[in-house]
């Protein structure tokens, strides 16, 4: 139960950070385009506020899921649709990492508990005659 609560709070915090990072990403467009997603503004080459299939092709994940991301089916991705998709992707990655970390920590604790059971208990007293 405690692990579940911890995981919930970690995933929630990761989601909040992902949303904040998505909004902040556009401020740094052009400074470092080599890392990951170039951001909405960099993808929107004609500056119309939407991403066409051609513009979205610069982001492989977005290109692959274009139809899913285009929620209203208008053939283009709005900034809001883009942010929702990227936030969901970031949250999914954060959840996976959190679960992996939680599982590893749980296994380590269980290993430590088993080692303690396997070791003979030492008595602090010695008998003398």
Protein backbone atom coordinates (compact mmCIF):
# COMPACT_ATOMS: atom_id res chain seq x y z
CA UNK A 1 0.00 0.00 0.00
CA UNK A 2 2.79 2.39 0.94
CA UNK A 3 4.71 1.57 -2.25
CA UNK A 4 1.56 2.20 -4.31
CA UNK A 5 1.08 5.61 -2.69
CA UNK A 6 4.71 6.50 -3.27
CA UNK A 7 4.48 5.46 -6.90
CA UNK A 8 1.31 7.51 -7.32
CA UNK A 9 2.95 10.65 -5.95
CA UNK A 10 6.09 10.13 -8.03
CA UNK A 11 4.08 9.65 -11.23
CA UNK A 12 1.98 12.71 -10.40
CA UNK A 13 5.10 14.80 -9.82
CA UNK A 14 6.65 13.50 -13.04
CA UNK A 15 3.50 14.41 -14.96
CA UNK A 16 3.53 17.93 -13.52
CA UNK A 17 7.20 18.31 -14.47
CA UNK A 18 6.50 17.00 -17.97
CA UNK A 19 3.74 19.54 -18.54
CA UNK A 20 5.97 22.35 -17.29
CA UNK A 21 8.83 21.16 -19.46
CA UNK A 22 6.56 21.06 -22.52
CA UNK A 23 5.59 24.68 -22.03
CA UNK A 24 9.18 25.72 -21.34
CA UNK A 25 10.59 23.79 -24.30
CA UNK A 26 9.45 26.36 -26.84
CA UNK A 27 11.58 29.06 -25.16
CA UNK A 28 14.74 27.12 -25.97
CA UNK A 29 13.94 26.30 -29.59
CA UNK A 30 16.95 26.77 -31.81
CA UNK A 31 19.46 26.67 -28.96
CA UNK A 32 19.78 22.88 -28.89
CA UNK A 33 17.86 21.07 -31.61
CA UNK A 34 20.01 17.95 -31.40
CA UNK A 35 18.36 16.62 -28.25
CA UNK A 36 15.05 14.77 -28.53
CA UNK A 37 11.90 16.57 -29.59
CA UNK A 38 12.51 19.93 -31.31
CA UNK A 39 9.26 21.37 -29.88
CA UNK A 40 6.05 22.62 -31.42
CA UNK A 41 7.37 25.97 -32.70
CA UNK A 42 10.34 24.36 -34.44
CA UNK A 43 8.06 21.83 -36.14
CA UNK A 44 5.51 24.47 -37.23
CA UNK A 45 7.56 25.75 -40.19
CA UNK A 46 4.80 27.92 -41.71
CA UNK A 47 3.85 29.39 -38.29
CA UNK A 48 0.13 28.75 -38.74
CA UNK A 49 -0.27 27.30 -35.24
CA UNK A 50 -0.82 23.74 -36.50
CA UNK A 51 1.35 20.83 -37.58
CA UNK A 52 0.66 19.20 -40.92
CA UNK A 53 1.71 15.60 -41.60
CA UNK A 54 4.80 16.94 -43.37
CA UNK A 55 5.77 19.14 -40.42
CA UNK A 56 5.07 16.36 -37.89
CA UNK A 57 7.33 13.98 -39.84
CA UNK A 58 10.37 15.62 -38.18
CA UNK A 59 9.29 13.93 -34.93
CA UNK A 60 9.17 10.13 -35.53
CA UNK A 61 6.85 9.44 -32.59
CA UNK A 62 4.43 12.15 -33.68
CA UNK A 63 4.52 11.00 -37.30
CA UNK A 64 3.76 7.42 -36.28
CA UNK A 65 0.78 8.41 -34.11
CA UNK A 66 -0.48 11.35 -36.19
CA UNK A 67 -4.05 10.04 -36.52
CA UNK A 68 -4.31 9.32 -32.76
CA UNK A 69 -2.87 12.71 -31.81
CA UNK A 70 -5.24 14.54 -34.20
CA UNK A 71 -8.21 14.13 -31.84
CA UNK A 72 -10.68 16.22 -33.84
CA UNK A 73 -9.71 14.61 -37.16
CA UNK A 74 -9.09 17.87 -39.00
CA UNK A 75 -5.88 16.60 -40.59
CA UNK A 76 -3.59 18.80 -38.52
CA UNK A 77 -2.28 18.86 -34.97
CA UNK A 78 -2.97 21.89 -32.79
CA UNK A 79 -0.59 22.99 -30.03
CA UNK A 80 -2.98 21.53 -27.43
CA UNK A 81 -3.16 18.16 -29.20
CA UNK A 82 0.63 18.18 -29.46
CA UNK A 83 1.10 18.99 -25.76
CA UNK A 84 -1.39 16.29 -24.72
CA UNK A 85 0.45 13.68 -26.79
CA UNK A 86 3.92 14.67 -25.57
CA UNK A 87 2.76 14.86 -21.94
CA UNK A 88 1.17 11.42 -22.18
CA UNK A 89 4.40 10.07 -23.66
CA UNK A 90 6.51 11.67 -20.92
CA UNK A 91 4.15 10.39 -18.21
CA UNK A 92 4.30 6.89 -19.65
CA UNK A 93 8.11 6.95 -19.64
CA UNK A 94 8.14 8.32 -16.09
CA UNK A 95 5.72 5.63 -14.93
CA UNK A 96 7.83 2.90 -16.52
CA UNK A 97 10.98 4.23 -14.84
CA UNK A 98 9.18 4.57 -11.51
CA UNK A 99 7.87 1.02 -11.67
CA UNK A 100 11.33 -0.28 -12.61
CA UNK A 101 12.92 1.62 -9.73
CA UNK A 102 10.22 0.53 -7.28
CA UNK A 103 10.55 -3.10 -8.33
CA UNK A 104 14.33 -2.97 -8.03
CA UNK A 105 14.06 -1.40 -4.57
CA UNK A 106 11.48 -3.97 -3.47
CA UNK A 107 13.67 -6.83 -4.70
CA UNK A 108 16.68 -5.39 -2.90
CA UNK A 109 14.74 -5.12 0.37
CA UNK A 110 13.44 -8.68 -0.02
CA UNK A 111 16.99 -9.94 -0.70
CA UNK A 112 18.22 -8.17 2.42
CA UNK A 113 15.41 -9.67 4.48
CA UNK A 114 16.20 -13.17 3.19
CA UNK A 115 19.90 -12.74 3.97
CA UNK A 116 19.05 -11.68 7.51
CA UNK A 117 16.95 -14.82 7.97
CA UNK A 118 19.70 -17.06 6.59
CA UNK A 119 22.39 -15.71 8.91
CA UNK A 120 22.59 -17.33 12.33
CA UNK A 121 21.66 -15.03 15.16
CA UNK A 122 24.66 -14.08 17.23
CA UNK A 123 24.25 -14.04 20.95
CA UNK A 124 25.80 -11.20 22.80
CA UNK A 125 26.61 -13.31 25.86
CA UNK A 126 29.39 -15.82 26.31
CA UNK A 127 29.34 -18.53 28.86
CA UNK A 128 32.32 -19.05 31.13
CA UNK A 129 33.01 -21.71 33.70
